[in-house]
Amino acid sequence: MLPALLAMANPGGPETAVILMAVILFGFQTAIGNVQTLPVIYLVEKTVGTLSGFSGMAAKLGAFGLTALVPWLTSGGNYTPAFVIGAALALLTMASVWILCPKIEPLKSKKLN
C-alpha cells in the first residue's frame, strides 16, 4: 500500500493511476481488518464498543478534515501533496501500532476438558 501511495505522486497515465488506486485500496482493506481486531485482544469486552465508537468518530472527523484540505492542496492541479499526506498517515498508523501494541502474538487455544 505505501509504495503505491508514493507512486501515485506521479502515476504516468490514467490506467496506471487506476491500478495503483486498486492496490492502495486492497492494502487498506487488508490492513484495516487486522487493525480493527486489536482492541478485542487488549481490552475488556465493555470498552471495545466504546473504543469502536471513538475510532469511528475520529475516522469521520479525519475524512471531513481531509475532504476540506484536498481541494486546497490540489488547487494548482498537482495532487502530489495529497498522496504524500496519505503515505505519511499510513506510516504514522504503522508506527502507532508498533509503539502502542509492542507485543502482538497469536492467541493460544483453550482446550476443552
Protein backbone atom coordinates (compact mmCIF):
# COMPACT_ATOMS: atom_id res chain seq x y z
CA MET A 1 0.00 0.00 0.00
CA LEU A 2 2.72 2.50 0.96
CA PRO A 3 4.80 2.16 -2.24
CA ALA A 4 1.62 2.51 -4.31
CA LEU A 5 0.67 5.67 -2.37
CA LEU A 6 4.06 7.17 -3.09
CA ALA A 7 3.84 6.10 -6.75
CA MET A 8 0.55 7.99 -7.04
CA ALA A 9 2.51 11.23 -6.77
CA ASN A 10 3.40 10.70 -10.45
CA PRO A 11 1.46 7.75 -11.90
CA GLY A 12 2.22 8.48 -15.53
CA GLY A 13 -1.20 7.81 -17.03
CA PRO A 14 -4.83 7.19 -16.12
CA GLU A 15 -4.59 3.39 -16.47
CA THR A 16 -1.60 3.25 -14.13
CA ALA A 17 -3.37 5.55 -11.67
CA VAL A 18 -6.43 3.26 -11.55
CA ILE A 19 -4.25 0.18 -10.98
CA LEU A 20 -2.30 1.95 -8.24
CA MET A 21 -5.54 3.06 -6.57
CA ALA A 22 -6.78 -0.54 -6.65
CA VAL A 23 -3.56 -1.70 -4.97
CA ILE A 24 -3.88 1.06 -2.35
CA LEU A 25 -7.49 0.16 -1.56
CA PHE A 26 -6.69 -3.56 -1.41
CA GLY A 27 -3.84 -2.85 1.02
CA PHE A 28 -6.02 -0.57 3.12
CA GLN A 29 -8.84 -3.11 3.40
CA THR A 30 -6.35 -5.83 4.35
CA ALA A 31 -4.68 -3.65 6.97
CA ILE A 32 -7.85 -2.23 8.50
CA GLY A 33 -9.26 -5.71 9.06
CA ASN A 34 -6.21 -6.55 11.15
CA VAL A 35 -6.06 -3.22 12.98
CA GLN A 36 -9.73 -3.36 13.98
CA THR A 37 -9.18 -6.65 15.82
CA LEU A 38 -6.54 -5.18 18.16
CA PRO A 39 -9.00 -3.71 20.71
CA VAL A 40 -10.52 -7.16 21.22
CA ILE A 41 -7.08 -8.52 22.12
CA TYR A 42 -6.11 -5.73 24.51
CA LEU A 43 -9.32 -4.53 26.17
CA VAL A 44 -12.15 -5.94 28.22
CA GLU A 45 -15.47 -6.54 26.49
CA LYS A 46 -17.29 -3.41 27.70
CA THR A 47 -14.66 -0.97 26.44
CA VAL A 48 -14.35 -2.45 22.95
CA GLY A 49 -17.64 -0.88 21.84
CA THR A 50 -16.66 2.49 23.30
CA LEU A 51 -13.30 2.40 21.55
CA SER A 52 -15.00 1.37 18.33
CA GLY A 53 -17.27 4.40 18.61
CA PHE A 54 -14.37 6.75 19.28
CA SER A 55 -12.36 5.34 16.38
CA GLY A 56 -15.36 5.68 14.08
CA MET A 57 -15.84 9.28 15.17
CA ALA A 58 -12.13 10.00 14.63
CA ALA A 59 -12.30 8.43 11.17
CA LYS A 60 -15.29 10.58 10.21
CA LEU A 61 -13.65 13.76 11.53
CA GLY A 62 -10.42 12.88 9.71
CA ALA A 63 -12.34 12.27 6.50
CA PHE A 64 -14.11 15.60 6.94
CA GLY A 65 -10.82 17.41 7.51
CA LEU A 66 -9.09 15.79 4.55
CA THR A 67 -12.10 16.42 2.32
CA ALA A 68 -11.80 20.11 3.15
CA LEU A 69 -7.99 20.08 2.81
CA VAL A 70 -7.59 18.21 -0.50
CA PRO A 71 -9.23 20.85 -2.75
CA TRP A 72 -6.95 23.49 -1.25
CA LEU A 73 -3.86 21.26 -1.65
CA THR A 74 -4.68 20.37 -5.26
CA SER A 75 -5.88 23.78 -6.42
CA GLY A 76 -2.91 24.12 -8.78
CA GLY A 77 -3.60 20.76 -10.41
CA ASN A 78 -0.80 18.99 -8.50
CA TYR A 79 -2.04 16.00 -6.50
CA THR A 80 1.38 15.09 -5.08
CA PRO A 81 0.84 16.74 -1.65
CA ALA A 82 -2.41 14.82 -1.13
CA PHE A 83 -0.77 11.46 -1.84
CA VAL A 84 2.27 12.34 0.26
CA ILE A 85 -0.07 13.09 3.18
CA GLY A 86 -1.77 9.73 2.59
CA ALA A 87 1.58 7.95 2.66
CA ALA A 88 2.58 9.83 5.82
CA LEU A 89 -0.68 8.80 7.51
CA ALA A 90 -0.01 5.16 6.59
CA LEU A 91 3.46 5.41 8.16
CA LEU A 92 2.03 7.12 11.24
CA THR A 93 -0.52 4.33 11.63
CA MET A 94 2.13 1.61 11.36
CA ALA A 95 4.35 3.41 13.87
CA SER A 96 1.41 3.84 16.26
CA VAL A 97 0.64 0.12 16.20
CA TRP A 98 4.31 -0.82 16.69
CA ILE A 99 4.73 1.63 19.58
CA LEU A 100 1.38 1.22 21.35
CA CYS A 101 1.00 -2.53 20.78
CA PRO A 102 4.54 -3.90 21.12
CA LYS A 103 3.56 -7.49 21.85
CA ILE A 104 1.15 -8.95 19.32
CA GLU A 105 1.11 -12.72 19.21
CA PRO A 106 -1.28 -15.47 18.16
CA LEU A 107 -3.97 -16.45 20.63
CA LYS A 108 -3.46 -19.73 22.41
CA SER A 109 -6.39 -22.06 22.03
CA LYS A 110 -8.14 -23.22 25.17
CA LYS A 111 -8.53 -26.96 25.36
CA LEU A 112 -11.96 -28.14 26.39
CA ASN A 113 -11.89 -30.77 29.12
